[in-house]
Amino acid sequence: DVYKRQAGHPAPLLARHGRPARLLPYEDGGPALGLLPRARWPRRQVELGAAWSLMMYTDGLIEGRVGTGGSERLGQDGMVAMVNGRLDEGLAGEELLEAAVAEVRELNGGELTDDVAVLLLGRDPERIRRGGGSAPRSRPASPVVARPLGVQRPPL
């Protein structure tokens, strides 16, 4: 079990083996982190299970447009469908994140106007038992735990 606090961010995406990814419930996320000096955020207990992946992201990922010049945004439902498509292809870990961000940019018709940050946490007891870590890697392991997928700044 884990406790989550939203602090103004969109609902995390939970994926479990053999099931479609889904958004965790989002009731009251509270104010954005750093907005109010004495803010409090409601917490919610979430049961993750033995094997899982949890994707947390900023709204820049879901606010991109769908199609060049379009007014429709990708939104959370569009992101969930897109991530499920990549999971069905067998993508996981860093490859999943890179493919997701690349597809969001492509759907948008170019760079996004808001910053994008994505974090994927996961646990795979079977892979850990085999000594392979918690996610497949396409490259040898490195001491770097996380790396930016590209920094974008909104236009001035």
N, C-alpha and C. Protein backbone atom coordinates (compact mmCIF):
# COMPACT_ATOMS: atom_id res chain seq x y z
N ASP A 1 0.84 -1.19 0.00
CA ASP A 1 0.00 0.00 0.00
C ASP A 1 0.88 1.24 0.00
N VAL A 2 0.36 2.28 -0.58
CA VAL A 2 1.07 3.55 -0.62
C VAL A 2 0.03 4.65 -0.42
N TYR A 3 0.47 5.77 0.11
CA TYR A 3 -0.41 6.93 0.25
C TYR A 3 -0.03 7.92 -0.83
N LYS A 4 -1.03 8.49 -1.49
CA LYS A 4 -0.73 9.48 -2.52
C LYS A 4 -1.32 10.82 -2.14
N ARG A 5 -0.63 11.85 -2.55
CA ARG A 5 -1.13 13.23 -2.42
C ARG A 5 -0.89 13.87 -3.78
N GLN A 6 -1.90 14.50 -4.33
CA GLN A 6 -1.83 15.05 -5.67
C GLN A 6 -1.08 16.37 -5.75
N ALA A 7 -1.28 17.26 -4.82
CA ALA A 7 -0.67 18.59 -4.81
C ALA A 7 -0.86 19.32 -6.13
N GLY A 8 -2.09 19.26 -6.67
CA GLY A 8 -2.41 19.99 -7.87
C GLY A 8 -2.08 19.29 -9.17
N HIS A 9 -1.43 18.14 -9.13
CA HIS A 9 -1.05 17.42 -10.35
C HIS A 9 -2.16 16.49 -10.80
N PRO A 10 -2.14 16.11 -12.08
CA PRO A 10 -3.15 15.17 -12.58
C PRO A 10 -3.03 13.80 -11.91
N ALA A 11 -4.09 13.02 -12.02
CA ALA A 11 -4.13 11.68 -11.41
C ALA A 11 -3.07 10.77 -12.02
N PRO A 12 -2.31 10.04 -11.19
CA PRO A 12 -1.32 9.09 -11.70
C PRO A 12 -1.98 7.95 -12.47
N LEU A 13 -1.20 7.33 -13.32
CA LEU A 13 -1.65 6.20 -14.13
C LEU A 13 -1.05 4.93 -13.55
N LEU A 14 -1.89 3.95 -13.25
CA LEU A 14 -1.45 2.69 -12.67
C LEU A 14 -1.59 1.58 -13.70
N ALA A 15 -0.52 0.82 -13.90
CA ALA A 15 -0.55 -0.32 -14.82
C ALA A 15 -0.13 -1.57 -14.05
N ARG A 16 -0.87 -2.64 -14.29
CA ARG A 16 -0.55 -3.95 -13.71
C ARG A 16 -0.53 -4.96 -14.85
N HIS A 17 0.32 -5.96 -14.72
CA HIS A 17 0.46 -6.96 -15.77
C HIS A 17 -0.88 -7.61 -16.11
N GLY A 18 -1.18 -7.66 -17.40
CA GLY A 18 -2.40 -8.32 -17.85
C GLY A 18 -3.67 -7.50 -17.75
N ARG A 19 -3.55 -6.25 -17.29
CA ARG A 19 -4.72 -5.38 -17.17
C ARG A 19 -4.42 -4.06 -17.86
N PRO A 20 -5.45 -3.41 -18.39
CA PRO A 20 -5.21 -2.08 -18.98
C PRO A 20 -4.81 -1.08 -17.89
N ALA A 21 -3.97 -0.14 -18.27
CA ALA A 21 -3.60 0.94 -17.35
C ALA A 21 -4.84 1.78 -17.08
N ARG A 22 -4.91 2.34 -15.88
CA ARG A 22 -6.05 3.18 -15.51
C ARG A 22 -5.56 4.31 -14.62
N LEU A 23 -6.33 5.38 -14.61
CA LEU A 23 -6.03 6.50 -13.74
C LEU A 23 -6.45 6.17 -12.32
N LEU A 24 -5.65 6.57 -11.36
CA LEU A 24 -6.06 6.43 -9.97
C LEU A 24 -7.15 7.46 -9.69
N PRO A 25 -8.01 7.17 -8.73
CA PRO A 25 -9.09 8.13 -8.42
C PRO A 25 -8.52 9.50 -8.06
N TYR A 26 -9.25 10.51 -8.47
CA TYR A 26 -8.84 11.89 -8.19
C TYR A 26 -10.04 12.63 -7.62
N GLU A 27 -10.00 12.89 -6.35
CA GLU A 27 -11.08 13.65 -5.73
C GLU A 27 -10.62 15.09 -5.57
N ASP A 28 -9.95 15.37 -4.50
CA ASP A 28 -9.49 16.72 -4.21
C ASP A 28 -7.97 16.70 -4.20
N GLY A 29 -7.39 17.27 -5.22
CA GLY A 29 -5.93 17.28 -5.32
C GLY A 29 -5.27 18.32 -4.47
N GLY A 30 -6.05 19.26 -3.96
CA GLY A 30 -5.46 20.33 -3.17
C GLY A 30 -4.78 21.35 -4.05
N PRO A 31 -4.21 22.39 -3.45
CA PRO A 31 -3.55 23.44 -4.24
C PRO A 31 -2.23 22.93 -4.82
N ALA A 32 -1.77 23.61 -5.85
CA ALA A 32 -0.48 23.27 -6.46
C ALA A 32 0.63 23.42 -5.43
N LEU A 33 1.59 22.54 -5.52
CA LEU A 33 2.73 22.55 -4.61
C LEU A 33 3.45 23.89 -4.67
N GLY A 34 3.69 24.50 -3.52
CA GLY A 34 4.40 25.77 -3.44
C GLY A 34 3.53 27.00 -3.59
N LEU A 35 2.24 26.80 -3.86
CA LEU A 35 1.34 27.93 -4.09
C LEU A 35 0.96 28.64 -2.79
N LEU A 36 0.63 27.87 -1.77
CA LEU A 36 0.21 28.43 -0.49
C LEU A 36 1.19 27.97 0.59
N PRO A 37 1.65 28.89 1.46
CA PRO A 37 2.68 28.55 2.43
C PRO A 37 2.29 27.48 3.44
N ARG A 38 1.05 27.43 3.88
CA ARG A 38 0.65 26.44 4.89
C ARG A 38 -0.39 25.46 4.34
N ALA A 39 -0.29 25.16 3.09
CA ALA A 39 -1.28 24.29 2.44
C ALA A 39 -1.21 22.87 3.00
N ARG A 40 -2.35 22.22 2.97
CA ARG A 40 -2.45 20.81 3.35
C ARG A 40 -3.08 20.08 2.17
N TRP A 41 -2.65 18.85 1.99
CA TRP A 41 -3.16 18.06 0.89
C TRP A 41 -3.79 16.79 1.43
N PRO A 42 -4.99 16.48 0.97
CA PRO A 42 -5.61 15.24 1.41
C PRO A 42 -4.80 14.05 0.91
N ARG A 43 -4.83 12.97 1.68
CA ARG A 43 -4.11 11.78 1.24
C ARG A 43 -5.10 10.65 1.04
N ARG A 44 -4.72 9.76 0.15
CA ARG A 44 -5.57 8.61 -0.15
C ARG A 44 -4.68 7.38 -0.20
N GLN A 45 -5.12 6.32 0.45
CA GLN A 45 -4.37 5.07 0.45
C GLN A 45 -4.70 4.31 -0.83
N VAL A 46 -3.66 3.81 -1.49
CA VAL A 46 -3.80 3.07 -2.74
C VAL A 46 -3.09 1.74 -2.60
N GLU A 47 -3.78 0.66 -2.90
CA GLU A 47 -3.17 -0.67 -2.88
C GLU A 47 -2.62 -0.95 -4.28
N LEU A 48 -1.31 -1.15 -4.35
CA LEU A 48 -0.67 -1.35 -5.64
C LEU A 48 -0.55 -2.82 -6.02
N GLY A 49 -0.41 -3.70 -5.06
CA GLY A 49 -0.22 -5.12 -5.36
C GLY A 49 1.25 -5.46 -5.45
N ALA A 50 1.54 -6.67 -5.91
CA ALA A 50 2.93 -7.15 -5.94
C ALA A 50 3.73 -6.59 -7.12
N ALA A 51 3.12 -6.53 -8.28
CA ALA A 51 3.81 -6.04 -9.49
C ALA A 51 3.00 -4.89 -10.07
N TRP A 52 3.65 -3.77 -10.35
CA TRP A 52 2.94 -2.60 -10.82
C TRP A 52 3.89 -1.60 -11.45
N SER A 53 3.32 -0.67 -12.20
CA SER A 53 4.02 0.51 -12.69
C SER A 53 3.11 1.70 -12.42
N LEU A 54 3.68 2.78 -11.97
CA LEU A 54 2.94 3.99 -11.65
C LEU A 54 3.58 5.15 -12.40
N MET A 55 2.79 5.78 -13.27
CA MET A 55 3.30 6.90 -14.06
C MET A 55 2.71 8.20 -13.52
N MET A 56 3.60 9.10 -13.14
CA MET A 56 3.19 10.43 -12.68
C MET A 56 3.72 11.44 -13.69
N TYR A 57 2.96 12.51 -13.92
CA TYR A 57 3.29 13.42 -15.01
C TYR A 57 2.71 14.80 -14.71
N THR A 58 3.27 15.79 -15.38
CA THR A 58 2.72 17.14 -15.28
C THR A 58 1.65 17.32 -16.35
N ASP A 59 0.86 18.36 -16.20
CA ASP A 59 -0.23 18.59 -17.15
C ASP A 59 0.25 18.92 -18.56
N GLY A 60 1.51 19.26 -18.72
CA GLY A 60 2.04 19.53 -20.06
C GLY A 60 1.91 18.33 -20.99
N LEU A 61 1.90 17.14 -20.42
CA LEU A 61 1.78 15.92 -21.23
C LEU A 61 0.38 15.77 -21.81
N ILE A 62 -0.64 16.19 -21.10
CA ILE A 62 -2.01 15.96 -21.53
C ILE A 62 -2.67 17.19 -22.15
N GLU A 63 -2.00 18.34 -22.09
CA GLU A 63 -2.58 19.57 -22.62
C GLU A 63 -2.25 19.81 -24.08
N GLY A 64 -1.42 18.94 -24.67
CA GLY A 64 -1.10 19.08 -26.08
C GLY A 64 -2.33 18.89 -26.95
N ARG A 65 -2.30 19.47 -28.12
CA ARG A 65 -3.41 19.36 -29.07
C ARG A 65 -3.35 18.04 -29.82
N VAL A 66 -4.47 17.64 -30.35
CA VAL A 66 -4.55 16.44 -31.18
C VAL A 66 -4.70 16.91 -32.61
N GLY A 67 -3.63 16.83 -33.37
CA GLY A 67 -3.66 17.27 -34.77
C GLY A 67 -3.22 18.71 -34.91
N THR A 68 -2.53 19.00 -36.00
CA THR A 68 -2.03 20.34 -36.27
C THR A 68 -3.18 21.32 -36.39
N GLY A 69 -3.12 22.38 -35.63
CA GLY A 69 -4.14 23.42 -35.69
C GLY A 69 -5.44 23.04 -35.02
N GLY A 70 -5.51 21.87 -34.43
CA GLY A 70 -6.75 21.44 -33.79
C GLY A 70 -6.98 22.13 -32.47
N SER A 71 -8.22 22.15 -32.03
CA SER A 71 -8.53 22.77 -30.75
C SER A 71 -8.74 21.71 -29.66
N GLU A 72 -8.87 20.45 -30.06
CA GLU A 72 -9.08 19.37 -29.08
C GLU A 72 -7.76 19.00 -28.41
N ARG A 73 -7.81 18.87 -27.10
CA ARG A 73 -6.61 18.48 -26.34
C ARG A 73 -6.56 16.95 -26.22
N LEU A 74 -5.36 16.43 -26.02
CA LEU A 74 -5.19 15.00 -25.81
C LEU A 74 -5.97 14.55 -24.58
N GLY A 75 -5.78 15.23 -23.47
CA GLY A 75 -6.50 14.93 -22.24
C GLY A 75 -6.05 13.62 -21.60
N GLN A 76 -6.58 13.36 -20.41
CA GLN A 76 -6.19 12.15 -19.68
C GLN A 76 -6.69 10.89 -20.37
N ASP A 77 -7.92 10.91 -20.89
CA ASP A 77 -8.44 9.71 -21.55
C ASP A 77 -7.61 9.36 -22.78
N GLY A 78 -7.24 10.38 -23.56
CA GLY A 78 -6.40 10.15 -24.73
C GLY A 78 -5.03 9.61 -24.34
N MET A 79 -4.47 10.13 -23.24
CA MET A 79 -3.17 9.65 -22.78
C MET A 79 -3.26 8.20 -22.32
N VAL A 80 -4.33 7.86 -21.60
CA VAL A 80 -4.50 6.48 -21.12
C VAL A 80 -4.58 5.53 -22.32
N ALA A 81 -5.37 5.88 -23.32
CA ALA A 81 -5.49 5.04 -24.52
C ALA A 81 -4.14 4.91 -25.23
N MET A 82 -3.40 6.01 -25.33
CA MET A 82 -2.10 5.99 -25.99
C MET A 82 -1.12 5.11 -25.21
N VAL A 83 -1.06 5.23 -23.90
CA VAL A 83 -0.16 4.42 -23.09
C VAL A 83 -0.56 2.95 -23.17
N ASN A 84 -1.86 2.65 -23.13
CA ASN A 84 -2.30 1.26 -23.26
C ASN A 84 -1.87 0.66 -24.60
N GLY A 85 -1.90 1.46 -25.65
CA GLY A 85 -1.42 0.98 -26.95
C GLY A 85 0.04 0.62 -26.91
N ARG A 86 0.85 1.43 -26.23
CA ARG A 86 2.30 1.16 -26.13
C ARG A 86 2.55 -0.05 -25.22
N LEU A 87 1.75 -0.21 -24.16
CA LEU A 87 1.88 -1.38 -23.29
C LEU A 87 1.54 -2.65 -24.07
N ASP A 88 0.50 -2.58 -24.93
CA ASP A 88 0.13 -3.73 -25.76
C ASP A 88 1.25 -4.12 -26.71
N GLU A 89 2.08 -3.15 -27.09
CA GLU A 89 3.23 -3.43 -27.95
C GLU A 89 4.39 -4.02 -27.16
N GLY A 90 4.26 -4.09 -25.84
CA GLY A 90 5.31 -4.66 -25.01
C GLY A 90 6.31 -3.65 -24.48
N LEU A 91 6.05 -2.36 -24.67
CA LEU A 91 6.98 -1.35 -24.17
C LEU A 91 6.85 -1.21 -22.66
N ALA A 92 7.94 -0.90 -22.01
CA ALA A 92 7.97 -0.69 -20.57
C ALA A 92 9.13 0.23 -20.24
N GLY A 93 9.14 0.73 -19.03
CA GLY A 93 10.26 1.53 -18.53
C GLY A 93 10.56 2.75 -19.39
N GLU A 94 11.84 3.00 -19.58
CA GLU A 94 12.30 4.17 -20.33
C GLU A 94 11.77 4.18 -21.76
N GLU A 95 11.70 3.01 -22.38
CA GLU A 95 11.18 2.94 -23.75
C GLU A 95 9.72 3.39 -23.81
N LEU A 96 8.93 3.02 -22.82
CA LEU A 96 7.54 3.44 -22.76
C LEU A 96 7.44 4.96 -22.62
N LEU A 97 8.23 5.53 -21.72
CA LEU A 97 8.19 6.98 -21.51
C LEU A 97 8.61 7.73 -22.76
N GLU A 98 9.70 7.31 -23.38
CA GLU A 98 10.17 7.99 -24.59
C GLU A 98 9.15 7.90 -25.71
N ALA A 99 8.53 6.73 -25.89
CA ALA A 99 7.51 6.56 -26.93
C ALA A 99 6.29 7.43 -26.63
N ALA A 100 5.89 7.50 -25.37
CA ALA A 100 4.72 8.30 -25.00
C ALA A 100 4.96 9.77 -25.27
N VAL A 101 6.08 10.29 -24.84
CA VAL A 101 6.37 11.72 -25.04
C VAL A 101 6.50 12.02 -26.54
N ALA A 102 7.15 11.12 -27.29
CA ALA A 102 7.29 11.32 -28.73
C ALA A 102 5.92 11.33 -29.41
N GLU A 103 5.03 10.44 -29.00
CA GLU A 103 3.71 10.40 -29.62
C GLU A 103 2.88 11.63 -29.26
N VAL A 104 3.00 12.11 -28.04
CA VAL A 104 2.28 13.33 -27.65
C VAL A 104 2.76 14.50 -28.50
N ARG A 105 4.06 14.61 -28.72
CA ARG A 105 4.59 15.69 -29.59
C ARG A 105 4.08 15.53 -31.02
N GLU A 106 4.08 14.31 -31.52
CA GLU A 106 3.60 14.05 -32.88
C GLU A 106 2.12 14.41 -33.01
N LEU A 107 1.30 13.98 -32.06
CA LEU A 107 -0.13 14.31 -32.09
C LEU A 107 -0.34 15.82 -32.04
N ASN A 108 0.53 16.51 -31.33
CA ASN A 108 0.43 17.96 -31.19
C ASN A 108 0.88 18.68 -32.46
N GLY A 109 1.57 17.99 -33.32
CA GLY A 109 2.08 18.62 -34.53
C GLY A 109 3.37 19.37 -34.29
N GLY A 110 4.09 19.04 -33.24
CA GLY A 110 5.35 19.71 -32.91
C GLY A 110 5.51 19.83 -31.41
N GLU A 111 6.46 20.66 -31.02
CA GLU A 111 6.76 20.83 -29.61
C GLU A 111 5.54 21.31 -28.84
N LEU A 112 5.49 20.92 -27.59
CA LEU A 112 4.41 21.31 -26.70
C LEU A 112 4.69 22.69 -26.12
N THR A 113 3.64 23.42 -25.74
CA THR A 113 3.83 24.77 -25.23
C THR A 113 4.04 24.82 -23.73
N ASP A 114 3.77 23.72 -23.03
CA ASP A 114 3.94 23.66 -21.58
C ASP A 114 5.08 22.69 -21.28
N ASP A 115 5.67 22.82 -20.10
CA ASP A 115 6.73 21.91 -19.72
C ASP A 115 6.16 20.51 -19.48
N VAL A 116 6.99 19.50 -19.70
CA VAL A 116 6.58 18.10 -19.53
C VAL A 116 7.57 17.41 -18.60
N ALA A 117 7.05 16.80 -17.56
CA ALA A 117 7.86 15.96 -16.68
C ALA A 117 7.08 14.67 -16.46
N VAL A 118 7.77 13.54 -16.60
CA VAL A 118 7.14 12.24 -16.46
C VAL A 118 8.05 11.37 -15.61
N LEU A 119 7.46 10.66 -14.65
CA LEU A 119 8.20 9.76 -13.78
C LEU A 119 7.48 8.42 -13.78
N LEU A 120 8.21 7.36 -14.01
CA LEU A 120 7.63 6.02 -14.00
C LEU A 120 8.32 5.21 -12.91
N LEU A 121 7.53 4.78 -11.93
CA LEU A 121 8.02 3.92 -10.86
C LEU A 121 7.42 2.55 -11.07
N GLY A 122 8.15 1.51 -10.71
CA GLY A 122 7.59 0.18 -10.90
C GLY A 122 8.21 -0.84 -9.98
N ARG A 123 7.50 -1.96 -9.88
CA ARG A 123 7.97 -3.08 -9.07
C ARG A 123 7.58 -4.37 -9.77
N ASP A 124 8.55 -5.22 -10.01
CA ASP A 124 8.33 -6.51 -10.64
C ASP A 124 9.11 -7.55 -9.84
N PRO A 125 8.47 -8.21 -8.86
CA PRO A 125 9.17 -9.15 -7.98
C PRO A 125 9.86 -10.29 -8.75
N GLU A 126 9.24 -10.75 -9.83
CA GLU A 126 9.85 -11.84 -10.60
C GLU A 126 11.17 -11.41 -11.23
N ARG A 127 11.20 -10.24 -11.80
CA ARG A 127 12.43 -9.72 -12.41
C ARG A 127 13.48 -9.47 -11.33
N ILE A 128 13.06 -8.99 -10.18
CA ILE A 128 14.00 -8.75 -9.08
C ILE A 128 14.62 -10.07 -8.63
N ARG A 129 13.78 -11.12 -8.51
CA ARG A 129 14.30 -12.44 -8.11
C ARG A 129 15.34 -12.95 -9.08
N ARG A 130 15.12 -12.68 -10.36
CA ARG A 130 16.07 -13.13 -11.38
C ARG A 130 17.31 -12.25 -11.44
N GLY A 131 17.28 -11.15 -10.68
CA GLY A 131 18.44 -10.27 -10.63
C GLY A 131 18.49 -9.27 -11.77
N GLY A 132 17.36 -9.04 -12.43
CA GLY A 132 17.35 -8.16 -13.58
C GLY A 132 16.81 -6.78 -13.31
N GLY A 133 16.61 -6.38 -12.08
CA GLY A 133 16.06 -5.06 -11.80
C GLY A 133 14.55 -5.08 -11.94
N SER A 134 13.95 -3.90 -11.99
CA SER A 134 12.49 -3.83 -12.01
C SER A 134 11.92 -3.49 -13.38
N ALA A 135 12.76 -3.17 -14.36
CA ALA A 135 12.23 -2.85 -15.68
C ALA A 135 13.24 -3.27 -16.74
N PRO A 136 12.77 -3.71 -17.91
CA PRO A 136 13.71 -4.10 -18.96
C PRO A 136 14.49 -2.89 -19.44
N ARG A 137 15.72 -3.13 -19.85
CA ARG A 137 16.57 -2.05 -20.36
C ARG A 137 17.06 -2.42 -21.74
N SER A 138 17.09 -1.42 -22.59
CA SER A 138 17.61 -1.65 -23.92
C SER A 138 19.11 -1.39 -23.97
N ARG A 139 19.64 -0.77 -22.92
CA ARG A 139 21.06 -0.47 -22.84
C ARG A 139 21.59 -0.97 -21.51
N PRO A 140 22.90 -1.10 -21.39
CA PRO A 140 23.46 -1.52 -20.09
C PRO A 140 23.11 -0.51 -19.00
N ALA A 141 23.01 -1.01 -17.78
CA ALA A 141 22.69 -0.15 -16.64
C ALA A 141 23.75 0.93 -16.47
N SER A 142 23.32 2.09 -16.04
CA SER A 142 24.24 3.18 -15.78
C SER A 142 23.95 3.73 -14.39
N PRO A 143 24.88 4.50 -13.82
CA PRO A 143 24.65 5.03 -12.50
C PRO A 143 23.58 6.12 -12.49
N VAL A 144 23.15 6.60 -13.64
CA VAL A 144 22.13 7.63 -13.70
C VAL A 144 20.77 7.00 -13.48
N VAL A 145 20.04 7.47 -12.49
CA VAL A 145 18.73 6.91 -12.16
C VAL A 145 17.65 7.48 -13.05
N ALA A 146 17.69 8.76 -13.33
CA ALA A 146 16.68 9.39 -14.17
C ALA A 146 17.36 10.42 -15.04
N ARG A 147 16.75 10.68 -16.18
CA ARG A 147 17.28 11.72 -17.05
C ARG A 147 16.11 12.46 -17.67
N PRO A 148 16.30 13.74 -17.97
CA PRO A 148 15.20 14.50 -18.56
C PRO A 148 14.89 13.99 -19.97
N LEU A 149 13.62 14.06 -20.33
CA LEU A 149 13.20 13.65 -21.67
C LEU A 149 13.12 14.86 -22.59
N GLY A 150 13.67 15.94 -22.19
CA GLY A 150 13.64 17.16 -22.99
C GLY A 150 12.98 18.26 -22.19
N VAL A 151 13.63 19.36 -22.08
CA VAL A 151 13.10 20.48 -21.32
C VAL A 151 12.41 21.43 -22.28
N GLN A 152 11.20 21.78 -21.95
CA GLN A 152 10.46 22.73 -22.77
C GLN A 152 10.01 23.86 -21.87
N ARG A 153 10.03 25.03 -22.41
CA ARG A 153 9.56 26.19 -21.66
C ARG A 153 8.43 26.84 -22.43
N PRO A 154 7.43 27.34 -21.72
CA PRO A 154 6.35 28.03 -22.43
C PRO A 154 6.87 29.29 -23.11
N PRO A 155 6.23 29.69 -24.20
CA PRO A 155 6.68 30.92 -24.87
C PRO A 155 6.51 32.13 -23.97
N LEU A 156 7.42 33.09 -24.09
CA LEU A 156 7.35 34.30 -23.27
C LEU A 156 6.35 35.28 -23.80
